[in-house]
Amino acid sequence: MPDIIHTEPVRGPEPVAARRHQEHFFADLDETGLGAVDAVHDTGAPSSLWSEAWQKLRRRPTFWISAAIILVVVAVAAFPSLFTEQNPRFCELSNSLGDRAPGHPFGYDRQGCDIYARTIYGARASVMVGVLTTTAVVILGTVIGAVAGFFGGWFDTILSRITDIFFAIPLVLAAIVIMQVFSERRTTLVVVAVLASFGWTQIARITRGSVMSVKQNDYVTAAKSLGLGKVATLARHILPNAAAPIIVYATVALGAFIVAEATLSFLGIGLPPSIVSWGGDISQAQASLRSRPAVLFYPAGALALTVLGFIMMGDAVRDALDPKVRNR
């Protein structure tokens, strides 16, 4: 016979009366942790775009390296007498293409001038042209781009078409043609004016796009609803929040304008020979390239190092201010 399996009957749920005397435990309200989870600490000041950018910049070695290069170049350009006691315009033909000597670490060029002194004093003209041109370009391009992007309509149409016309003209080619007209009056301000006249187009387009993006934000609408004028709204709320791409471009453009000045001086239509500049020294050194290439190396190396510093700074600032990079 098969084994008989005895199973216990399944009991149904206990009646409510049987569960009345059971103990019930409830967690205290403070033990749930909801207060800690939902708490918002609003005592600290909110972080701004610039504070977040600085926190990111200070952790980047590229920023500190480029900042050190720029500080050295600016110090050399502002106080060249602290770095050399030699007169860059004092030349002796008896020292033509001479080797290094005490007090003359770079030797002499073909005219017998001290290469180290000319490299030090050449920073002043090149950096001055770069800074003044960048300042003029930022002011002109920002005003044109901000007006076109904020007001729109026929302002945008006319200013955008003017920008397109100037944008189609190559900067160096236009500078060569215009500098030929001022061949007898070549000064630092003339070079700055020529470069700024054709170098503002890119920053105008950048400013226009940034302003058009910023003016759609809610705080701009709130400023208008409070009765703030258009010009005041543009100056107080839109331009400060649209300045990030402008600063990035200006940092990189400064190095580009230094190269443009050196190119014009190299071609003999930039700064006059009476003004010591890296471009002029590079132009004079090409005659001694085969016999003594070091004459060309020092001013060209100083120019390249300066431009590299500004480009590295522009890359670091761009990475810190770009929201797509900051959110990675």
Protein backbone atom coordinates (compact mmCIF):
# COMPACT_ATOMS: atom_id res chain seq x y z
CA MET A 1 0.00 0.00 0.00
CA PRO A 2 1.27 3.54 -0.74
CA ASP A 3 2.51 5.58 2.15
CA ILE A 4 -0.02 7.88 3.64
CA ILE A 5 1.25 11.48 3.87
CA HIS A 6 -0.20 13.39 6.76
CA THR A 7 -0.47 17.14 6.17
CA GLU A 8 -1.55 19.78 8.61
CA PRO A 9 -4.61 21.72 7.66
CA VAL A 10 -3.95 25.19 6.36
CA ARG A 11 -4.99 27.76 8.85
CA GLY A 12 -6.76 30.84 7.73
CA PRO A 13 -6.00 34.32 8.94
CA GLU A 14 -6.33 34.89 12.60
CA PRO A 15 -9.43 36.73 13.65
CA VAL A 16 -9.04 40.37 14.54
CA ALA A 17 -9.97 39.64 18.14
CA ALA A 18 -6.92 37.36 18.48
CA ARG A 19 -4.56 40.15 17.30
CA ARG A 20 -5.87 42.88 19.51
CA HIS A 21 -3.39 42.25 22.31
CA GLN A 22 -0.29 42.18 20.03
CA GLU A 23 2.28 44.90 20.54
CA HIS A 24 2.76 47.38 17.72
CA PHE A 25 6.00 49.31 17.21
CA PHE A 26 6.21 52.64 15.40
CA ALA A 27 9.44 54.43 14.60
CA ASP A 28 9.80 57.90 15.98
CA LEU A 29 9.43 60.73 13.50
CA ASP A 30 13.01 61.89 14.03
CA GLU A 31 14.34 58.42 13.12
CA THR A 32 12.87 58.44 9.62
CA GLY A 33 15.55 60.76 8.26
CA LEU A 34 13.13 62.74 6.14
CA GLY A 35 14.21 65.98 7.72
CA ALA A 36 17.82 65.37 6.82
CA VAL A 37 16.96 64.31 3.31
CA ASP A 38 14.69 67.23 2.53
CA ALA A 39 16.84 69.87 4.23
CA VAL A 40 18.25 72.56 1.92
CA HIS A 41 21.22 74.58 3.09
CA ASP A 42 20.61 78.07 1.78
CA THR A 43 22.90 79.98 4.10
CA GLY A 44 25.87 80.10 1.68
CA ALA A 45 26.13 82.45 -1.26
CA PRO A 46 25.31 80.86 -4.63
CA SER A 47 28.29 80.16 -6.86
CA SER A 48 28.54 82.22 -10.03
CA LEU A 49 29.94 81.35 -13.42
CA TRP A 50 33.15 83.20 -12.71
CA SER A 51 33.74 81.56 -9.31
CA GLU A 52 33.19 78.11 -10.81
CA ALA A 53 35.54 78.99 -13.66
CA TRP A 54 38.22 80.10 -11.22
CA GLN A 55 37.86 76.88 -9.22
CA LYS A 56 38.43 74.96 -12.43
CA LEU A 57 41.27 77.15 -13.67
CA ARG A 58 43.28 76.91 -10.47
CA ARG A 59 43.45 73.12 -10.84
CA ARG A 60 44.79 73.23 -14.42
CA PRO A 61 48.60 73.22 -14.89
CA THR A 62 48.09 74.74 -18.35
CA PHE A 63 46.65 77.87 -16.77
CA TRP A 64 49.58 78.38 -14.41
CA ILE A 65 52.19 77.73 -17.10
CA SER A 66 50.56 80.17 -19.52
CA ALA A 67 50.04 82.72 -16.73
CA ALA A 68 53.74 82.52 -15.84
CA ILE A 69 54.76 83.04 -19.48
CA ILE A 70 52.41 86.01 -19.88
CA LEU A 71 53.56 87.62 -16.63
CA VAL A 72 57.20 87.34 -17.66
CA VAL A 73 56.49 88.78 -21.11
CA VAL A 74 54.47 91.67 -19.65
CA ALA A 75 57.22 92.38 -17.11
CA VAL A 76 59.86 92.39 -19.84
CA ALA A 77 57.75 94.67 -22.04
CA ALA A 78 56.97 97.09 -19.20
CA PHE A 79 60.40 97.20 -17.55
CA PRO A 80 63.05 96.11 -20.09
CA SER A 81 65.81 98.00 -18.27
CA LEU A 82 65.49 95.55 -15.35
CA PHE A 83 66.58 92.67 -17.59
CA THR A 84 69.45 94.29 -19.51
CA GLU A 85 71.67 97.35 -19.24
CA GLN A 86 72.64 97.36 -22.91
CA ASN A 87 71.28 99.85 -25.42
CA PRO A 88 69.49 97.94 -28.18
CA ARG A 89 70.26 100.70 -30.71
CA PHE A 90 73.98 100.81 -29.98
CA CYS A 91 75.74 98.87 -32.73
CA GLU A 92 79.39 98.41 -33.74
CA LEU A 93 80.29 96.82 -37.05
CA SER A 94 83.45 95.40 -35.47
CA ASN A 95 81.16 93.07 -33.48
CA SER A 96 79.25 91.90 -36.56
CA LEU A 97 78.00 88.32 -36.04
CA GLY A 98 80.16 88.07 -32.94
CA ASP A 99 79.87 85.18 -30.51
CA ARG A 100 78.72 85.34 -26.94
CA ALA A 101 80.58 87.56 -24.53
CA PRO A 102 80.19 88.62 -20.89
CA GLY A 103 77.08 90.77 -20.72
CA HIS A 104 76.04 89.66 -24.22
CA PRO A 105 74.65 86.12 -23.80
CA PHE A 106 73.13 85.92 -27.30
CA GLY A 107 76.01 87.47 -29.23
CA TYR A 108 75.72 90.12 -31.93
CA ASP A 109 73.77 90.44 -35.16
CA ARG A 110 75.09 91.50 -38.58
CA GLN A 111 75.01 95.19 -37.65
CA GLY A 112 76.90 94.53 -34.42
CA CYS A 113 73.89 95.09 -32.16
CA ASP A 114 73.39 93.11 -28.99
CA ILE A 115 70.83 90.39 -29.77
CA TYR A 116 69.79 89.90 -26.15
CA ALA A 117 69.06 93.61 -25.66
CA ARG A 118 67.07 93.80 -28.90
CA THR A 119 65.10 90.68 -27.95
CA ILE A 120 64.24 92.20 -24.57
CA TYR A 121 63.28 95.62 -25.92
CA GLY A 122 61.45 94.09 -28.89
CA ALA A 123 58.81 92.73 -26.53
CA ARG A 124 57.55 96.24 -25.79
CA ALA A 125 56.48 97.11 -29.32
CA SER A 126 55.03 93.69 -30.11
CA VAL A 127 53.05 93.37 -26.87
CA MET A 128 51.86 96.99 -27.08
CA VAL A 129 50.51 96.45 -30.60
CA GLY A 130 48.81 93.22 -29.49
CA VAL A 131 47.20 94.73 -26.38
CA LEU A 132 46.04 97.96 -28.05
CA THR A 133 44.68 96.14 -31.10
CA THR A 134 42.83 93.60 -28.97
CA THR A 135 41.32 96.37 -26.84
CA ALA A 136 40.12 98.27 -29.90
CA VAL A 137 38.77 95.11 -31.51
CA VAL A 138 36.89 94.06 -28.38
CA ILE A 139 35.26 97.48 -27.99
CA LEU A 140 34.31 97.84 -31.64
CA GLY A 141 33.21 94.25 -32.18
CA THR A 142 31.29 94.05 -28.91
CA VAL A 143 29.32 97.23 -29.60
CA ILE A 144 28.41 96.20 -33.15
CA GLY A 145 27.57 92.62 -32.24
CA ALA A 146 25.60 93.56 -29.13
CA VAL A 147 23.47 96.13 -30.96
CA ALA A 148 22.79 93.74 -33.83
CA GLY A 149 21.92 90.82 -31.58
CA PHE A 150 19.82 92.71 -29.03
CA PHE A 151 17.74 95.06 -31.17
CA GLY A 152 17.44 92.83 -34.24
CA GLY A 153 15.36 94.02 -37.17
CA TRP A 154 17.01 96.41 -39.56
CA PHE A 155 19.83 97.00 -37.05
CA ASP A 156 20.77 93.34 -37.33
CA THR A 157 20.39 93.32 -41.11
CA ILE A 158 22.59 96.34 -41.79
CA LEU A 159 25.29 95.56 -39.21
CA SER A 160 25.44 91.89 -40.20
CA ARG A 161 25.92 92.77 -43.87
CA ILE A 162 28.69 95.24 -43.00
CA THR A 163 30.33 92.58 -40.86
CA ASP A 164 30.14 90.06 -43.71
CA ILE A 165 31.82 92.52 -46.08
CA PHE A 166 34.76 93.13 -43.73
CA PHE A 167 34.90 89.44 -42.82
CA ALA A 168 35.48 88.54 -46.46
CA ILE A 169 38.66 90.66 -46.58
CA PRO A 170 41.80 88.84 -45.31
CA LEU A 171 43.34 90.65 -42.37
CA VAL A 172 47.00 90.50 -43.40
CA LEU A 173 46.29 91.28 -47.06
CA ALA A 174 44.20 94.32 -46.14
CA ALA A 175 46.87 95.48 -43.69
CA ILE A 176 49.56 95.18 -46.38
CA VAL A 177 47.55 97.31 -48.81
CA ILE A 178 46.63 99.98 -46.25
CA MET A 179 50.13 100.17 -44.77
CA GLN A 180 51.49 100.90 -48.22
CA VAL A 181 49.42 104.09 -48.17
CA PHE A 182 50.93 105.09 -44.80
CA SER A 183 54.47 104.05 -45.71
CA GLU A 184 55.85 107.45 -44.66
CA ARG A 185 53.88 107.59 -41.39
CA ARG A 186 54.37 104.17 -39.91
CA THR A 187 53.87 104.36 -36.17
CA THR A 188 52.54 102.04 -33.51
CA LEU A 189 49.12 103.71 -33.51
CA VAL A 190 48.86 103.45 -37.30
CA VAL A 191 49.57 99.71 -37.17
CA VAL A 192 47.02 99.30 -34.37
CA ALA A 193 44.37 101.25 -36.29
CA VAL A 194 44.91 99.23 -39.47
CA LEU A 195 44.76 95.87 -37.70
CA ALA A 196 41.73 96.87 -35.64
CA SER A 197 39.87 98.13 -38.72
CA PHE A 198 39.80 94.64 -40.22
CA GLY A 199 40.09 92.42 -37.14
CA TRP A 200 36.80 93.13 -35.35
CA THR A 201 34.51 90.97 -37.49
CA GLN A 202 34.97 87.65 -35.71
CA ILE A 203 34.32 89.04 -32.26
CA ALA A 204 31.27 90.92 -33.58
CA ARG A 205 29.75 87.65 -34.81
CA ILE A 206 30.58 85.91 -31.54
CA THR A 207 29.02 88.74 -29.51
CA ARG A 208 25.90 88.78 -31.68
CA GLY A 209 25.28 85.06 -31.18
CA SER A 210 25.97 85.21 -27.46
CA VAL A 211 23.65 88.20 -26.95
CA MET A 212 20.86 86.56 -28.94
CA SER A 213 21.15 83.51 -26.68
CA VAL A 214 21.28 85.41 -23.40
CA LYS A 215 18.43 87.82 -24.12
CA GLN A 216 15.93 84.91 -24.07
CA ASN A 217 16.55 84.22 -20.37
CA ASP A 218 13.95 84.93 -17.70
CA TYR A 219 15.96 87.55 -15.83
CA VAL A 220 16.04 89.71 -18.97
CA THR A 221 12.26 89.49 -19.21
CA ALA A 222 11.99 90.37 -15.52
CA ALA A 223 14.23 93.40 -15.99
CA LYS A 224 12.07 94.63 -18.85
CA SER A 225 8.88 94.11 -16.83
CA LEU A 226 10.32 96.22 -14.02
CA GLY A 227 10.68 99.13 -16.43
CA LEU A 228 14.42 98.96 -17.07
CA GLY A 229 15.37 100.55 -20.40
CA LYS A 230 16.79 98.61 -23.32
CA VAL A 231 20.26 100.11 -23.11
CA ALA A 232 20.40 99.55 -19.34
CA THR A 233 19.19 95.97 -19.74
CA LEU A 234 21.84 95.35 -22.37
CA ALA A 235 24.63 96.87 -20.27
CA ARG A 236 23.65 95.49 -16.83
CA HIS A 237 22.25 92.04 -17.53
CA ILE A 238 23.01 90.82 -21.04
CA LEU A 239 26.62 91.81 -21.71
CA PRO A 240 27.99 90.57 -18.34
CA ASN A 241 26.40 87.16 -18.96
CA ALA A 242 27.48 87.09 -22.61
CA ALA A 243 31.10 88.03 -21.91
CA ALA A 244 32.52 84.50 -21.58
CA PRO A 245 33.07 83.76 -25.31
CA ILE A 246 34.28 87.33 -25.82
CA ILE A 247 37.01 86.89 -23.21
CA VAL A 248 38.07 83.55 -24.68
CA TYR A 249 38.39 84.96 -28.18
CA ALA A 250 40.17 88.11 -26.99
CA THR A 251 42.81 86.02 -25.21
CA VAL A 252 43.60 84.01 -28.32
CA ALA A 253 43.30 87.01 -30.64
CA LEU A 254 45.96 88.93 -28.71
CA GLY A 255 48.56 86.40 -29.76
CA ALA A 256 47.25 86.47 -33.33
CA PHE A 257 47.62 90.26 -33.53
CA ILE A 258 51.19 90.03 -32.24
CA VAL A 259 51.92 87.64 -35.10
CA ALA A 260 50.19 90.00 -37.55
CA GLU A 261 52.40 92.89 -36.43
CA ALA A 262 55.50 90.72 -36.73
CA THR A 263 54.42 89.71 -40.23
CA LEU A 264 54.03 93.32 -41.33
CA SER A 265 57.39 94.28 -39.81
CA PHE A 266 59.01 91.27 -41.44
CA LEU A 267 57.72 92.45 -44.82
CA GLY A 268 59.11 95.92 -44.14
CA ILE A 269 55.74 97.70 -44.03
CA GLY A 270 54.97 97.45 -40.33
CA LEU A 271 56.81 99.32 -37.62
CA PRO A 272 59.73 101.47 -38.80
CA PRO A 273 63.33 100.32 -38.23
CA SER A 274 63.72 102.97 -35.51
CA ILE A 275 61.33 100.94 -33.31
CA VAL A 276 62.83 97.70 -32.02
CA SER A 277 60.45 94.81 -32.69
CA TRP A 278 60.69 91.07 -33.08
CA GLY A 279 59.33 91.16 -36.62
CA GLY A 280 61.95 93.67 -37.71
CA ASP A 281 64.78 91.65 -36.15
CA ILE A 282 63.52 88.48 -37.84
CA SER A 283 63.51 90.32 -41.16
CA GLN A 284 67.09 91.52 -40.70
CA ALA A 285 68.27 88.11 -39.46
CA GLN A 286 67.23 86.23 -42.60
CA ALA A 287 70.37 87.48 -44.35
CA SER A 288 72.48 85.69 -41.71
CA LEU A 289 70.43 82.50 -41.59
CA ARG A 290 73.08 80.29 -43.19
CA SER A 291 76.15 81.73 -41.52
CA ARG A 292 74.67 82.20 -38.01
CA PRO A 293 71.13 80.91 -37.57
CA ALA A 294 71.09 81.86 -33.88
CA VAL A 295 70.54 85.48 -34.91
CA LEU A 296 67.09 84.44 -36.17
CA PHE A 297 66.40 81.94 -33.43
CA TYR A 298 66.23 84.32 -30.46
CA PRO A 299 63.62 86.87 -31.66
CA ALA A 300 61.63 84.11 -33.37
CA GLY A 301 61.73 82.00 -30.21
CA ALA A 302 60.56 84.92 -28.07
CA LEU A 303 57.71 85.57 -30.49
CA ALA A 304 56.69 81.91 -30.56
CA LEU A 305 56.83 81.58 -26.76
CA THR A 306 54.69 84.68 -26.28
CA VAL A 307 52.05 83.54 -28.75
CA LEU A 308 52.08 80.07 -27.20
CA GLY A 309 51.39 81.56 -23.77
CA PHE A 310 48.33 83.45 -24.97
CA ILE A 311 46.99 80.48 -26.91
CA MET A 312 47.38 78.19 -23.90
CA MET A 313 45.64 80.76 -21.72
CA GLY A 314 42.78 80.99 -24.21
CA ASP A 315 42.37 77.22 -24.22
CA ALA A 316 42.35 77.07 -20.42
CA VAL A 317 39.80 79.89 -20.13
CA ARG A 318 37.62 78.31 -22.81
CA ASP A 319 37.55 74.98 -21.00
CA ALA A 320 36.65 76.72 -17.74
CA LEU A 321 33.87 78.88 -19.17
CA ASP A 322 32.38 76.42 -21.65
CA PRO A 323 29.28 74.88 -19.99
CA LYS A 324 29.62 71.69 -22.00
CA VAL A 325 33.14 71.12 -20.69
CA ARG A 326 32.25 72.17 -17.13
CA ASN A 327 29.43 69.61 -16.96
CA ARG A 328 31.63 66.66 -17.91
